[in-house]
Structures are given as C-alpha cells and as structure tokens.
Amino acid sequence: MANEISLNDRLRSFTLEATILNTVSDTDLQGHWSIIFIYPKDNTSGCTRETKEFNEKYSDFKSLGVRVFGLSKDTLASHISFSKKLDLQL
C-alpha cells in the first residue's frame, strides 16, 4: 500500500491547525516521543470513547514526556467544540 506506515517510519513534512497549539508541524514533533491517534469523526460514540481514554491517561503520558495528538478530518471548529465538550487536556 502506498499510504501504509509502520512503527519508526519518518513522518512526511506537514503543518496542521490545532486546537491547543494553534498549529502543529512535523518539526514540532522532532526529538519527542509522540502519539498521534487517528479517528474518523468528532462526537461519535467510538471516537468519543477513544479520545476520553487518551485524555484519562494524559498525565501519565505527559510525565513520560510523550505528546498526544488526536487527528480526524473534521473542521477546526468541530475539534474545538469536541474538545470543550469533553474538557480535553490534549
């Protein structure tokens, strides 16, 4: 598959709008352990459950120096609403 990625693969260059940091780029992640969890859509039952689980463990990840980011195809406005609704730290 052309879009398949594997553990320890290098990320392609990117810049994305973000709810907490304004923007996130590949250079922001360099030199840090990071988790990017990808989910299909804000405010759906499965995606809400997954996001809540990452949020509940956020302090554990942070204490280890791991950055956590959620990524979906929704708009920034949708992400902001979703983040506020769940009181997300990530």
PDB file of N, CA and C in Angstrom:
ATOM      1  N   MET A   1       0.830  -1.189   0.000  1.00  0.00           N
ATOM      2  CA  MET A   1       0.000   0.000   0.000  1.00  0.00           C
ATOM      3  C   MET A   1       0.871   1.248   0.000  1.00  0.00           C
ATOM      4  N   ALA A   2       0.487   2.230  -0.761  1.00  0.00           N
ATOM      5  CA  ALA A   2       1.262   3.469  -0.862  1.00  0.00           C
ATOM      6  C   ALA A   2       1.188   4.309   0.402  1.00  0.00           C
ATOM      7  N   ASN A   3       0.077   4.273   1.122  1.00  0.00           N
ATOM      8  CA  ASN A   3      -0.099   5.113   2.308  1.00  0.00           C
ATOM      9  C   ASN A   3       0.174   4.379   3.615  1.00  0.00           C
ATOM     10  N   GLU A   4       0.649   3.176   3.552  1.00  0.00           N
ATOM     11  CA  GLU A   4       0.896   2.402   4.761  1.00  0.00           C
ATOM     12  C   GLU A   4       2.092   2.974   5.520  1.00  0.00           C
ATOM     13  N   ILE A   5       1.962   3.059   6.834  1.00  0.00           N
ATOM     14  CA  ILE A   5       3.080   3.489   7.673  1.00  0.00           C
ATOM     15  C   ILE A   5       3.333   2.413   8.710  1.00  0.00           C
ATOM     16  N   SER A   6       4.546   2.350   9.173  1.00  0.00           N
ATOM     17  CA  SER A   6       4.954   1.364  10.163  1.00  0.00           C
ATOM     18  C   SER A   6       5.631   2.062  11.323  1.00  0.00           C
ATOM     19  N   LEU A   7       5.742   1.360  12.426  1.00  0.00           N
ATOM     20  CA  LEU A   7       6.426   1.873  13.600  1.00  0.00           C
ATOM     21  C   LEU A   7       7.819   2.342  13.210  1.00  0.00           C
ATOM     22  N   ASN A   8       8.211   3.505  13.699  1.00  0.00           N
ATOM     23  CA  ASN A   8       9.513   4.130  13.453  1.00  0.00           C
ATOM     24  C   ASN A   8       9.697   4.700  12.051  1.00  0.00           C
ATOM     25  N   ASP A   9       8.649   4.688  11.213  1.00  0.00           N
ATOM     26  CA  ASP A   9       8.747   5.377   9.919  1.00  0.00           C
ATOM     27  C   ASP A   9       8.855   6.875  10.167  1.00  0.00           C
ATOM     28  N   ARG A  10       9.575   7.572   9.324  1.00  0.00           N
ATOM     29  CA  ARG A  10       9.667   9.025   9.413  1.00  0.00           C
ATOM     30  C   ARG A  10       8.387   9.629   8.857  1.00  0.00           C
ATOM     31  N   LEU A  11       7.905  10.666   9.517  1.00  0.00           N
ATOM     32  CA  LEU A  11       6.736  11.374   9.027  1.00  0.00           C
ATOM     33  C   LEU A  11       7.105  12.249   7.838  1.00  0.00           C
ATOM     34  N   ARG A  12       6.182  12.386   6.922  1.00  0.00           N
ATOM     35  CA  ARG A  12       6.352  13.361   5.850  1.00  0.00           C
ATOM     36  C   ARG A  12       6.135  14.745   6.441  1.00  0.00           C
ATOM     37  N   SER A  13       6.660  15.745   5.792  1.00  0.00           N
ATOM     38  CA  SER A  13       6.515  17.123   6.236  1.00  0.00           C
ATOM     39  C   SER A  13       5.036  17.513   6.224  1.00  0.00           C
ATOM     40  N   PHE A  14       4.577  18.156   7.319  1.00  0.00           N
ATOM     41  CA  PHE A  14       3.189  18.590   7.385  1.00  0.00           C
ATOM     42  C   PHE A  14       3.045  19.780   8.336  1.00  0.00           C
ATOM     43  N   THR A  15       1.962  20.508   8.176  1.00  0.00           N
ATOM     44  CA  THR A  15       1.532  21.545   9.105  1.00  0.00           C
ATOM     45  C   THR A  15       0.014  21.460   9.177  1.00  0.00           C
ATOM     46  N   LEU A  16      -0.522  21.398  10.404  1.00  0.00           N
ATOM     47  CA  LEU A  16      -1.959  21.296  10.612  1.00  0.00           C
ATOM     48  C   LEU A  16      -2.419  22.320  11.637  1.00  0.00           C
ATOM     49  N   GLU A  17      -3.648  22.814  11.474  1.00  0.00           N
ATOM     50  CA  GLU A  17      -4.236  23.645  12.509  1.00  0.00           C
ATOM     51  C   GLU A  17      -4.499  22.764  13.721  1.00  0.00           C
ATOM     52  N   ALA A  18      -4.359  23.327  14.919  1.00  0.00           N
ATOM     53  CA  ALA A  18      -4.543  22.553  16.137  1.00  0.00           C
ATOM     54  C   ALA A  18      -5.341  23.346  17.152  1.00  0.00           C
ATOM     55  N   THR A  19      -6.067  22.646  18.005  1.00  0.00           N
ATOM     56  CA  THR A  19      -6.923  23.306  18.988  1.00  0.00           C
ATOM     57  C   THR A  19      -6.137  23.944  20.120  1.00  0.00           C
ATOM     58  N   ILE A  20      -5.022  23.369  20.530  1.00  0.00           N
ATOM     59  CA  ILE A  20      -4.297  23.889  21.688  1.00  0.00           C
ATOM     60  C   ILE A  20      -3.056  24.682  21.277  1.00  0.00           C
ATOM     61  N   LEU A  21      -2.327  24.228  20.298  1.00  0.00           N
ATOM     62  CA  LEU A  21      -1.068  24.865  19.922  1.00  0.00           C
ATOM     63  C   LEU A  21      -1.185  25.803  18.724  1.00  0.00           C
ATOM     64  N   ASN A  22      -2.376  26.053  18.225  1.00  0.00           N
ATOM     65  CA  ASN A  22      -2.646  26.835  17.012  1.00  0.00           C
ATOM     66  C   ASN A  22      -2.254  26.073  15.755  1.00  0.00           C
ATOM     67  N   THR A  23      -1.000  25.630  15.652  1.00  0.00           N
ATOM     68  CA  THR A  23      -0.587  24.757  14.552  1.00  0.00           C
ATOM     69  C   THR A  23       0.375  23.702  15.089  1.00  0.00           C
ATOM     70  N   VAL A  24       0.438  22.595  14.401  1.00  0.00           N
ATOM     71  CA  VAL A  24       1.389  21.531  14.710  1.00  0.00           C
ATOM     72  C   VAL A  24       2.043  21.138  13.398  1.00  0.00           C
ATOM     73  N   SER A  25       3.358  20.998  13.422  1.00  0.00           N
ATOM     74  CA  SER A  25       4.063  20.570  12.215  1.00  0.00           C
ATOM     75  C   SER A  25       4.990  19.415  12.564  1.00  0.00           C
ATOM     76  N   ASP A  26       5.524  18.811  11.535  1.00  0.00           N
ATOM     77  CA  ASP A  26       6.451  17.696  11.754  1.00  0.00           C
ATOM     78  C   ASP A  26       7.660  18.135  12.570  1.00  0.00           C
ATOM     79  N   THR A  27       8.090  19.378  12.435  1.00  0.00           N
ATOM     80  CA  THR A  27       9.257  19.846  13.189  1.00  0.00           C
ATOM     81  C   THR A  27       8.947  19.988  14.678  1.00  0.00           C
ATOM     82  N   ASP A  28       7.674  20.226  15.048  1.00  0.00           N
ATOM     83  CA  ASP A  28       7.285  20.288  16.455  1.00  0.00           C
ATOM     84  C   ASP A  28       7.440  18.939  17.147  1.00  0.00           C
ATOM     85  N   LEU A  29       7.394  17.868  16.381  1.00  0.00           N
ATOM     86  CA  LEU A  29       7.454  16.524  16.949  1.00  0.00           C
ATOM     87  C   LEU A  29       8.872  15.967  17.008  1.00  0.00           C
ATOM     88  N   GLN A  30       9.797  16.574  16.296  1.00  0.00           N
ATOM     89  CA  GLN A  30      11.163  16.054  16.250  1.00  0.00           C
ATOM     90  C   GLN A  30      11.807  16.093  17.628  1.00  0.00           C
ATOM     91  N   GLY A  31      12.437  14.999  17.999  1.00  0.00           N
ATOM     92  CA  GLY A  31      13.137  14.903  19.268  1.00  0.00           C
ATOM     93  C   GLY A  31      12.227  14.600  20.448  1.00  0.00           C
ATOM     94  N   HIS A  32      10.958  14.293  20.178  1.00  0.00           N
ATOM     95  CA  HIS A  32      10.000  13.978  21.237  1.00  0.00           C
ATOM     96  C   HIS A  32       9.274  12.684  20.891  1.00  0.00           C
ATOM     97  N   TRP A  33       8.951  11.897  21.915  1.00  0.00           N
ATOM     98  CA  TRP A  33       8.046  10.776  21.710  1.00  0.00           C
ATOM     99  C   TRP A  33       6.664  11.365  21.562  1.00  0.00           C
ATOM    100  N   SER A  34       5.928  10.904  20.575  1.00  0.00           N
ATOM    101  CA  SER A  34       4.589  11.431  20.324  1.00  0.00           C
ATOM    102  C   SER A  34       3.648  10.305  19.935  1.00  0.00           C
ATOM    103  N   ILE A  35       2.396  10.480  20.311  1.00  0.00           N
ATOM    104  CA  ILE A  35       1.325   9.584  19.871  1.00  0.00           C
ATOM    105  C   ILE A  35       0.365  10.423  19.056  1.00  0.00           C
ATOM    106  N   ILE A  36       0.087   9.970  17.849  1.00  0.00           N
ATOM    107  CA  ILE A  36      -0.946  10.597  17.035  1.00  0.00           C
ATOM    108  C   ILE A  36      -2.013   9.533  16.838  1.00  0.00           C
ATOM    109  N   PHE A  37      -3.159   9.712  17.502  1.00  0.00           N
ATOM    110  CA  PHE A  37      -4.228   8.739  17.300  1.00  0.00           C
ATOM    111  C   PHE A  37      -5.205   9.325  16.293  1.00  0.00           C
ATOM    112  N   ILE A  38      -5.553   8.516  15.338  1.00  0.00           N
ATOM    113  CA  ILE A  38      -6.386   8.962  14.220  1.00  0.00           C
ATOM    114  C   ILE A  38      -7.771   8.348  14.394  1.00  0.00           C
ATOM    115  N   TYR A  39      -8.780   9.202  14.330  1.00  0.00           N
ATOM    116  CA  TYR A  39     -10.150   8.732  14.489  1.00  0.00           C
ATOM    117  C   TYR A  39     -11.010   9.325  13.377  1.00  0.00           C
ATOM    118  N   PRO A  40     -12.105   8.652  13.009  1.00  0.00           N
ATOM    119  CA  PRO A  40     -12.889   9.085  11.852  1.00  0.00           C
ATOM    120  C   PRO A  40     -13.667  10.394  12.016  1.00  0.00           C
ATOM    121  N   LYS A  41     -14.292  10.642  13.205  1.00  0.00           N
ATOM    122  CA  LYS A  41     -15.198  11.790  13.282  1.00  0.00           C
ATOM    123  C   LYS A  41     -15.418  12.203  14.738  1.00  0.00           C
ATOM    124  N   ASP A  42     -15.409  13.527  14.956  1.00  0.00           N
ATOM    125  CA  ASP A  42     -15.740  14.062  16.274  1.00  0.00           C
ATOM    126  C   ASP A  42     -17.175  13.699  16.657  1.00  0.00           C
ATOM    127  N   ASN A  43     -17.402  13.552  17.957  1.00  0.00           N
ATOM    128  CA  ASN A  43     -18.742  13.370  18.526  1.00  0.00           C
ATOM    129  C   ASN A  43     -19.458  12.085  18.127  1.00  0.00           C
ATOM    130  N   THR A  44     -18.726  11.059  17.726  1.00  0.00           N
ATOM    131  CA  THR A  44     -19.342   9.754  17.514  1.00  0.00           C
ATOM    132  C   THR A  44     -18.993   8.897  18.725  1.00  0.00           C
ATOM    133  N   SER A  45     -19.773   7.874  18.987  1.00  0.00           N
ATOM    134  CA  SER A  45     -19.601   7.107  20.227  1.00  0.00           C
ATOM    135  C   SER A  45     -18.211   6.469  20.342  1.00  0.00           C
ATOM    136  N   GLY A  46     -17.762   5.803  19.303  1.00  0.00           N
ATOM    137  CA  GLY A  46     -16.459   5.137  19.360  1.00  0.00           C
ATOM    138  C   GLY A  46     -15.304   6.125  19.463  1.00  0.00           C
ATOM    139  N   CYS A  47     -15.375   7.191  18.699  1.00  0.00           N
ATOM    140  CA  CYS A  47     -14.306   8.199  18.712  1.00  0.00           C
ATOM    141  C   CYS A  47     -14.289   8.964  20.036  1.00  0.00           C
ATOM    142  N   THR A  48     -15.456   9.206  20.599  1.00  0.00           N
ATOM    143  CA  THR A  48     -15.534   9.863  21.897  1.00  0.00           C
ATOM    144  C   THR A  48     -14.917   8.978  22.964  1.00  0.00           C
ATOM    145  N   ARG A  49     -15.233   7.694  22.946  1.00  0.00           N
ATOM    146  CA  ARG A  49     -14.674   6.745  23.920  1.00  0.00           C
ATOM    147  C   ARG A  49     -13.148   6.681  23.800  1.00  0.00           C
ATOM    148  N   GLU A  50     -12.636   6.576  22.577  1.00  0.00           N
ATOM    149  CA  GLU A  50     -11.188   6.520  22.356  1.00  0.00           C
ATOM    150  C   GLU A  50     -10.503   7.794  22.858  1.00  0.00           C
ATOM    151  N   THR A  51     -11.078   8.933  22.535  1.00  0.00           N
ATOM    152  CA  THR A  51     -10.493  10.214  22.930  1.00  0.00           C
ATOM    153  C   THR A  51     -10.516  10.366  24.449  1.00  0.00           C
ATOM    154  N   LYS A  52     -11.605   9.954  25.088  1.00  0.00           N
ATOM    155  CA  LYS A  52     -11.683  10.012  26.548  1.00  0.00           C
ATOM    156  C   LYS A  52     -10.600   9.147  27.192  1.00  0.00           C
ATOM    157  N   GLU A  53     -10.344   7.975  26.619  1.00  0.00           N
ATOM    158  CA  GLU A  53      -9.316   7.084  27.176  1.00  0.00           C
ATOM    159  C   GLU A  53      -7.932   7.721  27.083  1.00  0.00           C
ATOM    160  N   PHE A  54      -7.613   8.343  25.963  1.00  0.00           N
ATOM    161  CA  PHE A  54      -6.323   9.042  25.856  1.00  0.00           C
ATOM    162  C   PHE A  54      -6.274  10.201  26.844  1.00  0.00           C
ATOM    163  N   ASN A  55      -7.376  10.919  26.997  1.00  0.00           N
ATOM    164  CA  ASN A  55      -7.418  12.061  27.910  1.00  0.00           C
ATOM    165  C   ASN A  55      -7.224  11.619  29.362  1.00  0.00           C
ATOM    166  N   GLU A  56      -7.836  10.488  29.734  1.00  0.00           N
ATOM    167  CA  GLU A  56      -7.697   9.969  31.103  1.00  0.00           C
ATOM    168  C   GLU A  56      -6.252   9.588  31.422  1.00  0.00           C
ATOM    169  N   LYS A  57      -5.501   9.178  30.426  1.00  0.00           N
ATOM    170  CA  LYS A  57      -4.100   8.771  30.612  1.00  0.00           C
ATOM    171  C   LYS A  57      -3.118   9.895  30.292  1.00  0.00           C
ATOM    172  N   TYR A  58      -3.640  11.080  29.976  1.00  0.00           N
ATOM    173  CA  TYR A  58      -2.797  12.181  29.531  1.00  0.00           C
ATOM    174  C   TYR A  58      -1.681  12.501  30.526  1.00  0.00           C
ATOM    175  N   SER A  59      -1.993  12.559  31.808  1.00  0.00           N
ATOM    176  CA  SER A  59      -0.956  12.903  32.803  1.00  0.00           C
ATOM    177  C   SER A  59       0.141  11.841  32.838  1.00  0.00           C
ATOM    178  N   ASP A  60      -0.219  10.571  32.616  1.00  0.00           N
ATOM    179  CA  ASP A  60       0.791   9.502  32.549  1.00  0.00           C
ATOM    180  C   ASP A  60       1.716   9.716  31.354  1.00  0.00           C
ATOM    181  N   PHE A  61       1.131  10.000  30.191  1.00  0.00           N
ATOM    182  CA  PHE A  61       1.947  10.252  29.000  1.00  0.00           C
ATOM    183  C   PHE A  61       2.831  11.483  29.207  1.00  0.00           C
ATOM    184  N   LYS A  62       2.238  12.540  29.751  1.00  0.00           N
ATOM    185  CA  LYS A  62       2.974  13.791  29.957  1.00  0.00           C
ATOM    186  C   LYS A  62       4.157  13.574  30.904  1.00  0.00           C
ATOM    187  N   SER A  63       3.954  12.796  31.963  1.00  0.00           N
ATOM    188  CA  SER A  63       5.044  12.545  32.918  1.00  0.00           C
ATOM    189  C   SER A  63       6.207  11.783  32.276  1.00  0.00           C
ATOM    190  N   LEU A  64       5.928  11.081  31.197  1.00  0.00           N
ATOM    191  CA  LEU A  64       6.965  10.356  30.452  1.00  0.00           C
ATOM    192  C   LEU A  64       7.533  11.188  29.304  1.00  0.00           C
ATOM    193  N   GLY A  65       7.033  12.409  29.150  1.00  0.00           N
ATOM    194  CA  GLY A  65       7.499  13.278  28.076  1.00  0.00           C
ATOM    195  C   GLY A  65       6.904  12.959  26.721  1.00  0.00           C
ATOM    196  N   VAL A  66       5.764  12.256  26.716  1.00  0.00           N
ATOM    197  CA  VAL A  66       5.106  11.866  25.467  1.00  0.00           C
ATOM    198  C   VAL A  66       4.001  12.863  25.150  1.00  0.00           C
ATOM    199  N   ARG A  67       4.015  13.385  23.948  1.00  0.00           N
ATOM    200  CA  ARG A  67       2.965  14.294  23.480  1.00  0.00           C
ATOM    201  C   ARG A  67       1.868  13.469  22.814  1.00  0.00           C
ATOM    202  N   VAL A  68       0.622  13.865  23.030  1.00  0.00           N
ATOM    203  CA  VAL A  68      -0.513  13.124  22.478  1.00  0.00           C
ATOM    204  C   VAL A  68      -1.355  14.059  21.621  1.00  0.00           C
ATOM    205  N   PHE A  69      -1.656  13.614  20.404  1.00  0.00           N
ATOM    206  CA  PHE A  69      -2.461  14.391  19.467  1.00  0.00           C
ATOM    207  C   PHE A  69      -3.538  13.497  18.870  1.00  0.00           C
ATOM    208  N   GLY A  70      -4.756  14.019  18.779  1.00  0.00           N
ATOM    209  CA  GLY A  70      -5.828  13.341  18.068  1.00  0.00           C
ATOM    210  C   GLY A  70      -6.002  13.992  16.710  1.00  0.00           C
ATOM    211  N   LEU A  71      -6.295  13.194  15.706  1.00  0.00           N
ATOM    212  CA  LEU A  71      -6.393  13.693  14.334  1.00  0.00           C
ATOM    213  C   LEU A  71      -7.608  13.089  13.646  1.00  0.00           C
ATOM    214  N   SER A  72      -8.440  13.944  13.077  1.00  0.00           N
ATOM    215  CA  SER A  72      -9.535  13.480  12.228  1.00  0.00           C
ATOM    216  C   SER A  72      -9.710  14.485  11.094  1.00  0.00           C
ATOM    217  N   LYS A  73     -10.600  14.162  10.171  1.00  0.00           N
ATOM    218  CA  LYS A  73     -10.818  15.031   9.006  1.00  0.00           C
ATOM    219  C   LYS A  73     -11.802  16.164   9.279  1.00  0.00           C
ATOM    220  N   ASP A  74     -12.316  16.270  10.507  1.00  0.00           N
ATOM    221  CA  ASP A  74     -13.287  17.308  10.831  1.00  0.00           C
ATOM    222  C   ASP A  74     -12.657  18.700  10.802  1.00  0.00           C
ATOM    223  N   THR A  75     -13.494  19.709  10.814  1.00  0.00           N
ATOM    224  CA  THR A  75     -13.021  21.098  10.789  1.00  0.00           C
ATOM    225  C   THR A  75     -12.438  21.490  12.143  1.00  0.00           C
ATOM    226  N   LEU A  76     -11.666  22.561  12.152  1.00  0.00           N
ATOM    227  CA  LEU A  76     -11.108  23.065  13.395  1.00  0.00           C
ATOM    228  C   LEU A  76     -12.232  23.464  14.354  1.00  0.00           C
ATOM    229  N   ALA A  77     -13.297  24.075  13.852  1.00  0.00           N
ATOM    230  CA  ALA A  77     -14.430  24.453  14.696  1.00  0.00           C
ATOM    231  C   ALA A  77     -15.050  23.226  15.370  1.00  0.00           C
ATOM    232  N   SER A  78     -15.165  22.139  14.633  1.00  0.00           N
ATOM    233  CA  SER A  78     -15.692  20.893  15.193  1.00  0.00           C
ATOM    234  C   SER A  78     -14.767  20.364  16.284  1.00  0.00           C
ATOM    235  N   HIS A  79     -13.453  20.409  16.033  1.00  0.00           N
ATOM    236  CA  HIS A  79     -12.481  19.943  17.040  1.00  0.00           C
ATOM    237  C   HIS A  79     -12.553  20.777  18.312  1.00  0.00           C
ATOM    238  N   ILE A  80     -12.666  22.085  18.161  1.00  0.00           N
ATOM    239  CA  ILE A  80     -12.742  22.971  19.328  1.00  0.00           C
ATOM    240  C   ILE A  80     -13.986  22.643  20.147  1.00  0.00           C
ATOM    241  N   SER A  81     -15.111  22.465  19.492  1.00  0.00           N
ATOM    242  CA  SER A  81     -16.358  22.118  20.172  1.00  0.00           C
ATOM    243  C   SER A  81     -16.232  20.763  20.881  1.00  0.00           C
ATOM    244  N   PHE A  82     -15.676  19.778  20.192  1.00  0.00           N
ATOM    245  CA  PHE A  82     -15.466  18.436  20.732  1.00  0.00           C
ATOM    246  C   PHE A  82     -14.544  18.501  21.949  1.00  0.00           C
ATOM    247  N   SER A  83     -13.483  19.255  21.837  1.00  0.00           N
ATOM    248  CA  SER A  83     -12.513  19.408  22.922  1.00  0.00           C
ATOM    249  C   SER A  83     -13.151  20.055  24.152  1.00  0.00           C
ATOM    250  N   LYS A  84     -13.924  21.093  23.942  1.00  0.00           N
ATOM    251  CA  LYS A  84     -14.597  21.772  25.062  1.00  0.00           C
ATOM    252  C   LYS A  84     -15.634  20.858  25.707  1.00  0.00           C
ATOM    253  N   LYS A  85     -16.391  20.158  24.879  1.00  0.00           N
ATOM    254  CA  LYS A  85     -17.434  19.258  25.372  1.00  0.00           C
ATOM    255  C   LYS A  85     -16.855  18.195  26.295  1.00  0.00           C
ATOM    256  N   LEU A  86     -15.675  17.655  25.935  1.00  0.00           N
ATOM    257  CA  LEU A  86     -15.049  16.588  26.717  1.00  0.00           C
ATOM    258  C   LEU A  86     -14.035  17.115  27.728  1.00  0.00           C
ATOM    259  N   ASP A  87     -13.836  18.432  27.768  1.00  0.00           N
ATOM    260  CA  ASP A  87     -12.847  19.055  28.661  1.00  0.00           C
ATOM    261  C   ASP A  87     -11.471  18.391  28.479  1.00  0.00           C
ATOM    262  N   LEU A  88     -11.025  18.346  27.226  1.00  0.00           N
ATOM    263  CA  LEU A  88      -9.785  17.655  26.893  1.00  0.00           C
ATOM    264  C   LEU A  88      -8.553  18.436  27.306  1.00  0.00           C
ATOM    265  N   GLN A  89      -7.558  17.704  27.750  1.00  0.00           N
ATOM    266  CA  GLN A  89      -6.246  18.275  28.056  1.00  0.00           C
ATOM    267  C   GLN A  89      -5.331  18.193  26.856  1.00  0.00           C
ATOM    268  N   LEU A  90      -5.650  17.265  25.922  1.00  0.00           N
ATOM    269  CA  LEU A  90      -4.771  17.064  24.776  1.00  0.00           C
ATOM    270  C   LEU A  90      -5.161  17.918  23.615  1.00  0.00           C
TER     271      LEU A  90
END
